[in-house]
Amino acid sequence: MINLKAPAKINLFLEVTAERPDGYHELSTLFAKVGLYDELEFEKNPGGIKLLIDGFIPGQKDTLNFSDNIIYKAAAAFLDSFAIKSGVTIRLKKNIPVGAGLGGGSSDGACALKGMSALFGLGKDRTGKLREIAAGLGSDVPFFISDSTFAAGLGRGEIIEPVEFTGALPYIILVYPGIPVYTRDVYGKLKIAGRPEIRTKLEIFEKLKSSLSAGKFMSGYKGLLFNRLEDPVLAGYPQVLSAKERLLSAGADAALMSGSGSTVFGLADNLHKADGIVSALSSNKNYKVFRINFC
């Protein structure tokens, strides 16, 4: 039996540079893994894929075998790619909110590939094949296959360039405002900026990556965080806008929506400040508030 944790992510930067002929968008984004986790357990069985999900809907336990679940897809692709005849039972405890911009589904898919690789004794020489499978599962999945805490995501997000970091990092306060926001809806309302504005934002992107690598993130991040997808989401979802405003008014040094939303994160330079922000926002019964670290 194998037990693994699938981390959430936030996007410290996200610019949409173009529409693609395949219906996706060209992105320049900075991913970061953070310490909120789904939990997965893997066990061999005589045949087939059995998926047990606890926490997908609060208080509900279901057996799911339908093929559109990303964990199921990952397991099926893994067994097929490596010609494995045995089956697998996967148990998922869902802690990362759904439709939250935190990459929970993508992380679960990547974790399924890693877990099955360990379960069936595949060595690190198969990592390239896992990355290939991951890219076919979803745009964010290759990031979660990587071992990096920070990485630039290019193309539709599947081209991963690890970003090394040094120095101290701030505390993170995640606020899930109680509603999901779905990626397809967000991109359907997005207006891509003009080329001069995009060039300016990409210069900021490079500065942000450089500040991490040079150990200057703590002193420089406040003016570098950016997410183009805030434009349609904050205009259409007042709960997300309110969560961002409340983070800032509670003392966050910076606040930004993650991915396509709905979660907003704040950064705080010290633990006392971070805990004060958590205390201030936890009074809202619609919010799920987490104080976590980068991982």
Protein backbone atom coordinates (compact mmCIF):
# COMPACT_ATOMS: atom_id res chain seq x y z
CA MET A 1 0.00 0.00 0.00
CA ILE A 2 1.25 3.49 -0.91
CA ASN A 3 0.12 6.76 0.75
CA LEU A 4 0.85 10.13 -0.85
CA LYS A 5 -0.22 13.75 -0.49
CA ALA A 6 -1.24 15.91 -3.46
CA PRO A 7 -0.44 19.60 -2.82
CA ALA A 8 -2.44 22.60 -3.96
CA LYS A 9 -0.89 25.39 -6.00
CA ILE A 10 -1.20 29.12 -6.32
CA ASN A 11 -0.23 31.31 -9.26
CA LEU A 12 2.01 34.22 -8.29
CA PHE A 13 1.78 35.51 -11.84
CA LEU A 14 -0.50 34.70 -14.78
CA GLU A 15 -0.65 36.50 -18.10
CA VAL A 16 -2.65 35.28 -21.11
CA THR A 17 -0.71 36.19 -24.22
CA ALA A 18 -2.81 34.73 -27.07
CA GLU A 19 -5.60 32.39 -28.10
CA ARG A 20 -4.45 29.12 -29.65
CA PRO A 21 -5.95 27.33 -32.67
CA ASP A 22 -6.66 24.29 -30.45
CA GLY A 23 -9.02 26.31 -28.22
CA TYR A 24 -6.55 26.76 -25.36
CA HIS A 25 -4.67 29.96 -24.51
CA GLU A 26 -0.97 30.77 -24.41
CA LEU A 27 0.11 31.49 -20.85
CA SER A 28 3.06 32.78 -18.92
CA THR A 29 2.53 31.80 -15.30
CA LEU A 30 4.50 31.23 -12.13
CA PHE A 31 3.25 28.20 -10.22
CA ALA A 32 3.98 27.55 -6.56
CA LYS A 33 3.15 24.42 -4.56
CA VAL A 34 1.58 25.17 -1.17
CA GLY A 35 0.83 23.20 1.97
CA LEU A 36 -2.83 22.25 1.51
CA TYR A 37 -3.18 18.62 0.48
CA ASP A 38 -5.52 15.97 -0.83
CA GLU A 39 -4.58 12.51 0.44
CA LEU A 40 -4.40 9.43 -1.79
CA GLU A 41 -3.92 5.76 -0.93
CA PHE A 42 -3.03 3.10 -3.51
CA GLU A 43 -3.42 -0.66 -3.29
CA LYS A 44 -3.23 -3.39 -5.90
CA ASN A 45 -6.34 -5.40 -6.72
CA PRO A 46 -6.91 -8.36 -9.09
CA GLY A 47 -8.17 -6.21 -11.94
CA GLY A 48 -9.79 -2.95 -12.90
CA ILE A 49 -9.74 0.53 -11.39
CA LYS A 50 -11.70 1.20 -8.23
CA LEU A 51 -11.89 4.77 -6.97
CA LEU A 52 -13.19 5.65 -3.51
CA ILE A 53 -13.69 9.33 -2.73
CA ASP A 54 -14.31 10.69 0.75
CA GLY A 55 -14.95 14.39 1.08
CA PHE A 56 -15.76 15.12 -2.58
CA ILE A 57 -19.10 16.25 -1.25
CA PRO A 58 -18.98 16.95 2.52
CA GLY A 59 -20.10 13.91 4.48
CA GLN A 60 -20.50 11.69 1.41
CA LYS A 61 -18.58 8.57 0.49
CA ASP A 62 -18.91 7.34 -3.07
CA THR A 63 -17.44 4.66 -5.28
CA LEU A 64 -16.74 6.24 -8.64
CA ASN A 65 -15.79 4.29 -11.74
CA PHE A 66 -16.71 6.72 -14.49
CA SER A 67 -14.05 7.58 -17.01
CA ASP A 68 -14.18 11.39 -16.87
CA ASN A 69 -12.57 11.61 -13.41
CA ILE A 70 -8.94 12.70 -13.74
CA ILE A 71 -7.68 10.13 -11.22
CA TYR A 72 -9.46 7.40 -13.15
CA LYS A 73 -8.02 8.73 -16.42
CA ALA A 74 -4.51 8.83 -14.93
CA ALA A 75 -4.80 5.28 -13.63
CA ALA A 76 -6.15 3.97 -16.94
CA ALA A 77 -3.43 5.74 -18.94
CA PHE A 78 -0.73 4.42 -16.60
CA LEU A 79 -1.88 0.80 -16.78
CA ASP A 80 -2.20 1.00 -20.56
CA SER A 81 1.14 2.76 -21.13
CA PHE A 82 3.11 0.23 -19.08
CA ALA A 83 1.04 -2.82 -20.12
CA ILE A 84 0.18 -3.68 -16.51
CA LYS A 85 -2.55 -6.30 -16.12
CA SER A 86 -3.14 -5.90 -12.39
CA GLY A 87 -5.73 -3.41 -11.15
CA VAL A 88 -5.64 -0.70 -8.52
CA THR A 89 -7.85 0.63 -5.75
CA ILE A 90 -7.37 4.34 -5.06
CA ARG A 91 -8.82 6.08 -2.03
CA LEU A 92 -8.97 9.87 -2.08
CA LYS A 93 -9.59 12.16 0.86
CA LYS A 94 -10.54 15.49 -0.68
CA ASN A 95 -9.35 18.54 1.27
CA ILE A 96 -8.65 21.04 -1.54
CA PRO A 97 -11.84 22.90 -2.53
CA VAL A 98 -13.25 22.22 -6.01
CA GLY A 99 -13.45 25.04 -8.57
CA ALA A 100 -11.06 27.05 -6.44
CA GLY A 101 -8.11 27.79 -8.75
CA LEU A 102 -5.85 25.67 -6.54
CA GLY A 103 -5.20 22.86 -9.02
CA GLY A 104 -6.66 20.12 -6.83
CA GLY A 105 -7.82 17.95 -9.71
CA SER A 106 -4.54 18.32 -11.62
CA SER A 107 -2.55 17.54 -8.49
CA ASP A 108 -4.67 14.44 -7.85
CA GLY A 109 -3.99 13.26 -11.41
CA ALA A 110 -0.25 13.74 -11.03
CA CYS A 111 -0.30 12.07 -7.62
CA ALA A 112 -2.12 9.10 -9.14
CA LEU A 113 0.71 8.68 -11.65
CA LYS A 114 3.36 8.97 -8.93
CA GLY A 115 1.50 6.63 -6.59
CA MET A 116 1.02 3.94 -9.20
CA SER A 117 4.64 4.25 -10.28
CA ALA A 118 5.67 3.52 -6.68
CA LEU A 119 3.05 0.79 -6.25
CA PHE A 120 4.19 -1.11 -9.33
CA GLY A 121 7.90 -0.56 -8.75
CA LEU A 122 8.76 1.67 -11.68
CA GLY A 123 12.04 3.52 -11.25
CA LYS A 124 12.89 7.15 -11.94
CA ASP A 125 13.96 6.17 -15.45
CA ARG A 126 10.25 6.19 -16.32
CA THR A 127 9.75 9.83 -15.26
CA GLY A 128 9.82 11.03 -18.87
CA LYS A 129 6.93 8.73 -19.72
CA LEU A 130 4.99 9.97 -16.68
CA ARG A 131 5.46 13.55 -17.87
CA GLU A 132 4.15 12.56 -21.29
CA ILE A 133 1.03 11.00 -19.75
CA ALA A 134 0.62 14.03 -17.48
CA ALA A 135 0.60 16.47 -20.40
CA GLY A 136 -2.25 14.51 -21.95
CA LEU A 137 -4.32 14.73 -18.76
CA GLY A 138 -4.37 18.51 -18.34
CA SER A 139 -2.40 21.72 -18.61
CA ASP A 140 -1.41 21.95 -14.91
CA VAL A 141 -0.63 18.26 -14.38
CA PRO A 142 3.03 18.40 -15.56
CA PHE A 143 3.79 20.99 -12.89
CA PHE A 144 2.63 18.60 -10.18
CA ILE A 145 4.74 15.78 -11.66
CA SER A 146 7.82 17.98 -11.18
CA ASP A 147 9.64 18.15 -7.85
CA SER A 148 9.93 21.94 -7.94
CA THR A 149 8.20 24.25 -5.45
CA PHE A 150 8.24 27.06 -8.02
CA ALA A 151 8.09 26.72 -11.80
CA ALA A 152 7.27 28.85 -14.80
CA GLY A 153 4.48 27.43 -16.93
CA LEU A 154 4.49 28.27 -20.64
CA GLY A 155 2.48 27.15 -23.66
CA ARG A 156 -0.94 26.25 -22.28
CA GLY A 157 0.84 25.75 -18.94
CA GLU A 158 2.26 22.31 -19.68
CA ILE A 159 5.80 23.48 -20.54
CA ILE A 160 7.51 23.58 -17.14
CA GLU A 161 10.70 25.46 -16.30
CA PRO A 162 11.75 25.04 -12.64
CA VAL A 163 12.58 28.25 -10.80
CA GLU A 164 15.12 27.86 -8.01
CA PHE A 165 14.71 30.05 -4.95
CA THR A 166 16.79 31.21 -2.02
CA GLY A 167 16.04 33.25 1.08
CA ALA A 168 12.95 33.61 3.25
CA LEU A 169 9.39 33.24 1.99
CA PRO A 170 6.19 34.82 3.32
CA TYR A 171 3.29 33.02 4.97
CA ILE A 172 0.22 32.33 2.84
CA ILE A 173 -3.40 32.88 3.83
CA LEU A 174 -5.85 31.14 1.48
CA VAL A 175 -9.46 32.28 1.41
CA TYR A 176 -12.01 30.14 -0.42
CA PRO A 177 -15.12 32.36 -0.54
CA GLY A 178 -17.64 29.51 -0.59
CA ILE A 179 -18.40 29.44 -4.32
CA PRO A 180 -16.71 27.63 -7.20
CA VAL A 181 -15.59 29.41 -10.37
CA TYR A 182 -15.13 27.29 -13.47
CA THR A 183 -12.21 27.81 -15.82
CA ARG A 184 -14.17 27.54 -19.07
CA ASP A 185 -16.54 30.32 -18.01
CA VAL A 186 -13.63 32.60 -17.09
CA TYR A 187 -11.77 32.20 -20.38
CA GLY A 188 -15.02 32.70 -22.26
CA LYS A 189 -15.27 36.23 -20.80
CA LEU A 190 -11.57 37.12 -21.00
CA LYS A 191 -10.34 39.96 -23.21
CA ILE A 192 -6.67 39.57 -24.11
CA ALA A 193 -4.62 42.72 -23.60
CA GLY A 194 -2.76 44.54 -26.34
CA ARG A 195 0.81 43.61 -27.20
CA PRO A 196 2.47 46.62 -25.50
CA GLU A 197 0.72 45.85 -22.20
CA ILE A 198 1.56 42.15 -22.47
CA ARG A 199 5.24 42.97 -23.07
CA THR A 200 5.26 45.15 -19.96
CA LYS A 201 3.69 42.38 -17.87
CA LEU A 202 6.17 39.81 -19.16
CA GLU A 203 9.02 42.06 -18.05
CA ILE A 204 7.47 41.97 -14.57
CA PHE A 205 7.26 38.17 -14.87
CA GLU A 206 11.00 38.00 -15.46
CA LYS A 207 11.66 40.30 -12.48
CA LEU A 208 9.53 38.07 -10.25
CA LYS A 209 11.44 34.94 -11.24
CA SER A 210 14.75 36.74 -10.77
CA SER A 211 13.76 37.98 -7.30
CA LEU A 212 13.05 34.41 -6.21
CA SER A 213 16.34 33.12 -7.56
CA ALA A 214 18.31 35.99 -6.00
CA GLY A 215 16.75 35.65 -2.56
CA LYS A 216 15.02 39.04 -2.84
CA PHE A 217 11.42 37.83 -2.98
CA MET A 218 10.47 39.11 0.46
CA SER A 219 11.42 42.68 -0.37
CA GLY A 220 10.15 42.81 -3.93
CA TYR A 221 7.03 40.75 -4.48
CA LYS A 222 4.37 43.31 -3.54
CA GLY A 223 4.50 45.10 -6.88
CA LEU A 224 5.14 42.02 -9.02
CA LEU A 225 2.15 39.73 -8.39
CA PHE A 226 -0.36 39.70 -11.25
CA ASN A 227 -3.23 37.61 -12.60
CA ARG A 228 -4.94 38.57 -15.87
CA LEU A 229 -7.88 36.29 -15.05
CA GLU A 230 -8.89 38.62 -12.23
CA ASP A 231 -10.38 40.92 -14.88
CA PRO A 232 -13.43 38.76 -15.70
CA VAL A 233 -13.73 37.08 -12.28
CA LEU A 234 -13.66 40.11 -9.99
CA ALA A 235 -16.18 41.83 -12.27
CA GLY A 236 -18.57 38.89 -12.22
CA TYR A 237 -18.15 37.35 -8.77
CA PRO A 238 -18.50 39.91 -5.96
CA GLN A 239 -17.66 37.25 -3.36
CA VAL A 240 -14.16 36.88 -4.85
CA LEU A 241 -13.62 40.63 -5.00
CA SER A 242 -14.78 40.98 -1.41
CA ALA A 243 -12.41 38.23 -0.25
CA LYS A 244 -9.47 40.02 -1.85
CA GLU A 245 -10.47 43.37 -0.35
CA ARG A 246 -10.91 41.82 3.10
CA LEU A 247 -7.46 40.21 2.94
CA LEU A 248 -5.89 43.57 2.21
CA SER A 249 -7.91 45.43 4.82
CA ALA A 250 -6.95 42.78 7.41
CA GLY A 251 -3.28 43.55 6.82
CA ALA A 252 -2.05 41.25 4.03
CA ASP A 253 1.07 42.65 2.36
CA ALA A 254 -0.34 41.59 -1.02
CA ALA A 255 -3.37 39.66 -2.25
CA LEU A 256 -4.17 37.95 -5.55
CA MET A 257 -6.64 35.50 -6.99
CA SER A 258 -5.14 32.09 -7.78
CA GLY A 259 -5.57 30.70 -11.29
CA SER A 260 -9.10 31.15 -12.57
CA GLY A 261 -10.46 31.49 -9.01
CA SER A 262 -12.32 31.43 -6.79
CA THR A 263 -9.65 31.24 -4.07
CA VAL A 264 -7.77 34.42 -3.17
CA PHE A 265 -4.47 34.30 -1.33
CA GLY A 266 -2.76 36.87 0.82
CA LEU A 267 0.92 37.00 1.77
CA ALA A 268 2.24 38.10 5.15
CA ASP A 269 5.85 38.74 6.07
CA ASN A 270 5.56 37.36 9.63
CA LEU A 271 3.60 34.75 11.53
CA HIS A 272 1.92 37.17 13.94
CA LYS A 273 0.47 39.16 11.06
CA ALA A 274 -0.63 35.98 9.23
CA ASP A 275 -2.45 34.63 12.28
CA GLY A 276 -4.17 37.98 12.80
CA ILE A 277 -5.46 37.91 9.23
CA VAL A 278 -6.75 34.36 9.67
CA SER A 279 -8.55 35.39 12.85
CA ALA A 280 -10.13 38.41 11.16
CA LEU A 281 -11.43 36.49 8.14
CA SER A 282 -12.53 33.31 9.91
CA SER A 283 -15.54 35.16 11.33
CA ASN A 284 -17.16 34.91 7.88
CA LYS A 285 -19.03 31.59 7.92
CA ASN A 286 -18.97 31.36 4.12
CA TYR A 287 -15.19 31.34 4.01
CA LYS A 288 -12.71 28.49 4.31
CA VAL A 289 -9.49 30.07 5.57
CA PHE A 290 -6.11 28.33 5.67
CA ARG A 291 -2.75 29.61 6.93
CA ILE A 292 -0.11 27.60 5.12
CA ASN A 293 3.46 27.70 3.78
CA PHE A 294 5.09 27.10 0.42
CA CYS A 295 6.17 23.48 0.11
